[in-house]
C-alpha atoms as a PDB file:
ATOM      1  CA  ARG A   1      49.568  12.783  83.747  1.00  0.00           C
ATOM      2  CA  ASN A   2      47.612   9.584  83.911  1.00  0.00           C
ATOM      3  CA  ALA A   3      48.955   6.233  85.059  1.00  0.00           C
ATOM      4  CA  THR A   4      50.671   5.588  81.652  1.00  0.00           C
ATOM      5  CA  GLY A   5      52.420   8.673  82.026  1.00  0.00           C
ATOM      6  CA  ALA A   6      50.361  10.306  79.181  1.00  0.00           C
ATOM      7  CA  PHE A   7      49.295  13.858  79.459  1.00  0.00           C
ATOM      8  CA  GLY A   8      45.584  13.922  79.992  1.00  0.00           C
ATOM      9  CA  PHE A   9      42.549  15.789  81.020  1.00  0.00           C
ATOM     10  CA  LEU A  10      39.220  14.579  83.090  1.00  0.00           C
ATOM     11  CA  VAL A  11      36.020  15.936  81.263  1.00  0.00           C
ATOM     12  CA  ASN A  12      33.035  16.095  83.376  1.00  0.00           C
ATOM     13  CA  ASN A  13      29.760  17.754  83.262  1.00  0.00           C
ATOM     14  CA  LYS A  14      28.286  20.086  85.986  1.00  0.00           C
ATOM     15  CA  TYR A  15      27.205  17.179  88.093  1.00  0.00           C
ATOM     16  CA  TYR A  16      30.717  15.863  87.958  1.00  0.00           C
ATOM     17  CA  LEU A  17      29.750  12.918  85.925  1.00  0.00           C
ATOM     18  CA  PRO A  18      32.345  11.861  83.190  1.00  0.00           C
ATOM     19  CA  LEU A  19      31.636  12.608  79.459  1.00  0.00           C
ATOM     20  CA  VAL A  20      32.320   9.730  77.197  1.00  0.00           C
ATOM     21  CA  ASN A  21      33.512   9.869  73.693  1.00  0.00           C
ATOM     22  CA  THR A  22      33.970  13.774  73.698  1.00  0.00           C
ATOM     23  CA  ARG A  23      36.729  15.496  71.655  1.00  0.00           C
ATOM     24  CA  VAL A  24      39.324  17.289  73.276  1.00  0.00           C
ATOM     25  CA  THR A  25      42.066  19.422  71.678  1.00  0.00           C
ATOM     26  CA  VAL A  26      45.136  20.906  73.093  1.00  0.00           C
ATOM     27  CA  GLU A  27      46.942  24.037  71.716  1.00  0.00           C
ATOM     28  CA  ALA A  28      49.862  26.231  72.882  1.00  0.00           C
ATOM     29  CA  VAL A  29      48.420  29.672  73.294  1.00  0.00           C
ATOM     30  CA  ALA A  30      51.500  31.398  74.698  1.00  0.00           C
ATOM     31  CA  VAL A  31      55.265  31.038  75.285  1.00  0.00           C
ATOM     32  CA  ILE A  32      57.762  32.890  77.308  1.00  0.00           C
ATOM     33  CA  PRO A  33      60.905  31.696  75.741  1.00  0.00           C
ATOM     34  CA  GLU A  34      64.064  30.926  77.620  1.00  0.00           C
ATOM     35  CA  HIS A  35      66.640  33.901  77.690  1.00  0.00           C
ATOM     36  CA  GLU A  36      68.751  32.316  74.830  1.00  0.00           C
ATOM     37  CA  PHE A  37      65.581  32.495  72.692  1.00  0.00           C
ATOM     38  CA  SER A  38      64.452  35.928  73.663  1.00  0.00           C
ATOM     39  CA  PHE A  39      64.588  36.764  69.855  1.00  0.00           C
ATOM     40  CA  CYS A  40      61.184  34.984  69.641  1.00  0.00           C
ATOM     41  CA  ALA A  41      59.432  37.240  71.952  1.00  0.00           C
ATOM     42  CA  GLY A  42      57.597  40.240  70.634  1.00  0.00           C
ATOM     43  CA  ILE A  43      57.489  39.189  66.805  1.00  0.00           C
ATOM     44  CA  ILE A  44      54.672  40.615  64.999  1.00  0.00           C
ATOM     45  CA  SER A  45      52.431  37.782  63.467  1.00  0.00           C
ATOM     46  CA  GLY A  46      52.517  37.559  59.484  1.00  0.00           C
ATOM     47  CA  SER A  47      55.629  39.493  59.194  1.00  0.00           C
ATOM     48  CA  LEU A  48      58.550  38.404  57.153  1.00  0.00           C
ATOM     49  CA  LEU A  49      60.396  37.837  60.478  1.00  0.00           C
ATOM     50  CA  ASP A  50      57.645  35.666  61.720  1.00  0.00           C
ATOM     51  CA  GLU A  51      57.788  33.663  58.465  1.00  0.00           C
ATOM     52  CA  ARG A  52      61.528  33.233  58.702  1.00  0.00           C
ATOM     53  CA  LEU A  53      61.520  32.154  62.448  1.00  0.00           C
ATOM     54  CA  ALA A  54      58.467  30.228  62.363  1.00  0.00           C
ATOM     55  CA  GLY A  55      60.313  26.880  62.576  1.00  0.00           C
ATOM     56  CA  VAL A  56      62.243  27.931  65.671  1.00  0.00           C
ATOM     57  CA  CYS A  57      59.868  30.387  67.350  1.00  0.00           C
ATOM     58  CA  LYS A  58      56.225  29.230  66.621  1.00  0.00           C
ATOM     59  CA  PRO A  59      55.058  26.378  68.722  1.00  0.00           C
ATOM     60  CA  SER A  60      53.685  23.307  66.793  1.00  0.00           C
ATOM     61  CA  LEU A  61      51.954  20.541  68.510  1.00  0.00           C
ATOM     62  CA  MET A  62      51.771  16.895  67.324  1.00  0.00           C
ATOM     63  CA  GLY A  63      49.089  14.284  68.823  1.00  0.00           C
ATOM     64  CA  ALA A  64      46.953  17.294  70.082  1.00  0.00           C
ATOM     65  CA  LEU A  65      43.750  15.463  69.417  1.00  0.00           C
ATOM     66  CA  GLY A  66      42.065  13.229  72.351  1.00  0.00           C
ATOM     67  CA  VAL A  67      38.761  11.342  72.733  1.00  0.00           C
ATOM     68  CA  THR A  68      37.476  10.762  76.342  1.00  0.00           C
ATOM     69  CA  ASP A  69      37.199   7.176  77.651  1.00  0.00           C
ATOM     70  CA  ASP A  70      34.558   5.519  79.658  1.00  0.00           C
ATOM     71  CA  ASN A  71      36.045   7.468  82.844  1.00  0.00           C
ATOM     72  CA  GLY A  72      35.927  10.723  81.047  1.00  0.00           C
ATOM     73  CA  ILE A  73      39.622  11.022  80.708  1.00  0.00           C
ATOM     74  CA  ALA A  74      41.081  12.202  77.315  1.00  0.00           C
ATOM     75  CA  SER A  75      44.646  11.106  77.165  1.00  0.00           C
ATOM     76  CA  PHE A  76      47.421  12.438  74.932  1.00  0.00           C
ATOM     77  CA  PRO A  77      50.156   9.712  74.617  1.00  0.00           C
ATOM     78  CA  ASP A  78      51.801  11.085  71.516  1.00  0.00           C
ATOM     79  CA  LEU A  79      51.467  14.788  72.592  1.00  0.00           C
ATOM     80  CA  ALA A  80      54.797  16.568  71.635  1.00  0.00           C
ATOM     81  CA  ILE A  81      55.952  19.823  70.801  1.00  0.00           C
ATOM     82  CA  ILE A  82      57.617  19.496  67.258  1.00  0.00           C
ATOM     83  CA  SER A  83      58.755  23.138  66.923  1.00  0.00           C
ATOM     84  CA  GLY A  84      59.118  26.150  69.150  1.00  0.00           C
ATOM     85  CA  PRO A  85      61.424  27.499  71.698  1.00  0.00           C
ATOM     86  CA  PRO A  86      62.027  26.044  75.258  1.00  0.00           C
ATOM     87  CA  GLY A  87      60.372  28.008  77.767  1.00  0.00           C
ATOM     88  CA  ALA A  88      57.093  28.754  79.938  1.00  0.00           C
ATOM     89  CA  TYR A  89      54.166  27.539  77.737  1.00  0.00           C
ATOM     90  CA  THR A  90      50.520  28.086  78.405  1.00  0.00           C
ATOM     91  CA  PHE A  91      48.171  25.500  76.871  1.00  0.00           C
ATOM     92  CA  ASN A  92      44.503  25.499  76.257  1.00  0.00           C
ATOM     93  CA  ALA A  93      42.523  22.249  76.183  1.00  0.00           C
ATOM     94  CA  THR A  94      39.128  22.530  74.915  1.00  0.00           C
ATOM     95  CA  ALA A  95      36.193  19.701  74.867  1.00  0.00           C
ATOM     96  CA  TYR A  96      33.733  19.892  72.241  1.00  0.00           C
ATOM     97  CA  LEU A  97      30.094  18.884  72.006  1.00  0.00           C
ATOM     98  CA  GLU A  98      29.413  17.091  68.999  1.00  0.00           C
ATOM     99  CA  GLY A  99      26.328  17.889  67.123  1.00  0.00           C
ATOM    100  CA  ASP A 100      24.496  17.180  63.712  1.00  0.00           C
ATOM    101  CA  ASP A 101      23.845  19.992  61.293  1.00  0.00           C
ATOM    102  CA  ILE A 102      21.285  19.051  58.575  1.00  0.00           C
ATOM    103  CA  ASN A 103      21.260  21.370  55.639  1.00  0.00           C
ATOM    104  CA  PRO A 104      17.605  22.073  54.701  1.00  0.00           C
ATOM    105  CA  ILE A 105      18.215  22.484  50.997  1.00  0.00           C
ATOM    106  CA  THR A 106      20.450  19.708  50.367  1.00  0.00           C
ATOM    107  CA  ASN A 107      19.344  17.274  53.388  1.00  0.00           C
ATOM    108  CA  VAL A 108      23.235  16.542  53.923  1.00  0.00           C
ATOM    109  CA  ARG A 109      24.059  15.821  57.414  1.00  0.00           C
ATOM    110  CA  SER A 110      27.361  17.027  58.815  1.00  0.00           C
ATOM    111  CA  ALA A 111      29.137  17.183  62.311  1.00  0.00           C
ATOM    112  CA  SER A 112      29.743  20.390  64.094  1.00  0.00           C
ATOM    113  CA  TYR A 113      31.945  20.780  67.184  1.00  0.00           C
ATOM    114  CA  ILE A 114      30.846  23.272  69.691  1.00  0.00           C
ATOM    115  CA  PRO A 115      33.454  24.389  72.350  1.00  0.00           C
ATOM    116  CA  MET A 116      31.703  23.677  75.766  1.00  0.00           C
ATOM    117  CA  TRP A 117      34.486  23.471  78.294  1.00  0.00           C
ATOM    118  CA  SER A 118      38.072  24.826  78.151  1.00  0.00           C
ATOM    119  CA  THR A 119      40.779  25.155  80.739  1.00  0.00           C
ATOM    120  CA  ILE A 120      44.401  26.730  80.806  1.00  0.00           C
ATOM    121  CA  VAL A 121      47.553  24.683  81.774  1.00  0.00           C
ATOM    122  CA  HIS A 122      50.940  26.270  82.574  1.00  0.00           C
ATOM    123  CA  MET A 123      53.949  24.043  81.929  1.00  0.00           C
ATOM    124  CA  PRO A 124      57.538  24.551  81.459  1.00  0.00           C
ATOM    125  CA  VAL A 125      59.054  23.056  78.383  1.00  0.00           C
ATOM    126  CA  LEU A 126      62.715  22.017  78.488  1.00  0.00           C
ATOM    127  CA  ARG A 127      65.253  22.073  75.885  1.00  0.00           C
ATOM    128  CA  ASN A 128      66.015  18.554  74.255  1.00  0.00           C
ATOM    129  CA  TYR A 129      69.673  18.064  74.565  1.00  0.00           C
ATOM    130  CA  LEU A 130      69.635  14.626  72.709  1.00  0.00           C
ATOM    131  CA  LEU A 131      68.111  16.116  69.560  1.00  0.00           C
ATOM    132  CA  GLU A 132      70.659  15.585  66.591  1.00  0.00           C
ATOM    133  CA  ILE A 133      69.833  17.504  63.511  1.00  0.00           C
ATOM    134  CA  SER A 134      71.438  16.299  60.198  1.00  0.00           C
ATOM    135  CA  PRO A 135      70.785  17.735  56.768  1.00  0.00           C
ATOM    136  CA  ALA A 136      68.944  15.582  54.241  1.00  0.00           C
ATOM    137  CA  ARG A 137      71.478  16.396  51.667  1.00  0.00           C
ATOM    138  CA  GLU A 138      74.678  18.533  51.414  1.00  0.00           C
ATOM    139  CA  ALA A 139      74.193  22.138  51.000  1.00  0.00           C
ATOM    140  CA  PRO A 140      75.439  23.367  47.448  1.00  0.00           C
ATOM    141  CA  ARG A 141      78.670  24.941  47.211  1.00  0.00           C
ATOM    142  CA  ALA A 142      77.569  27.696  44.954  1.00  0.00           C
ATOM    143  CA  VAL A 143      74.070  28.866  43.742  1.00  0.00           C
ATOM    144  CA  GLU A 144      73.524  30.542  40.338  1.00  0.00           C
ATOM    145  CA  TYR A 145      71.344  33.502  40.489  1.00  0.00           C
ATOM    146  CA  ASN A 146      67.671  32.902  39.331  1.00  0.00           C
ATOM    147  CA  LYS A 147      68.304  29.019  39.049  1.00  0.00           C
ATOM    148  CA  LEU A 148      66.668  26.210  40.913  1.00  0.00           C
ATOM    149  CA  PHE A 149      69.173  23.622  42.115  1.00  0.00           C
END
């Protein structure tokens, strides 16, 4: 955490000089769910159960892209887990070197991002007891087979 309380990383080169304007992404690579969410462990990726429980069991992050400032610090003030179980998370932060690719046939320039630095962070993610979920609309009392409601 930095002075503002935001999650952040210091990105420097091999001479310990800060890298400025470098893209950094954060992703959840593993989670060991709390005991109450043990049903989330061991789900086969791409299975019907995986699709069915994705909103509960599959971690999804918001605000996971940052750019380093003049001091080489990439801050993530809006980083949040918007889905996934509480538990012990492993995050991977990767800094990318930006390069220009020029297509020799079309002469079109495009940016490419090459991973140049990566680190693993382990962190507990606690349950949010203040979360209130309310349906957008009332559930139907009866659903007719083969009809959309």
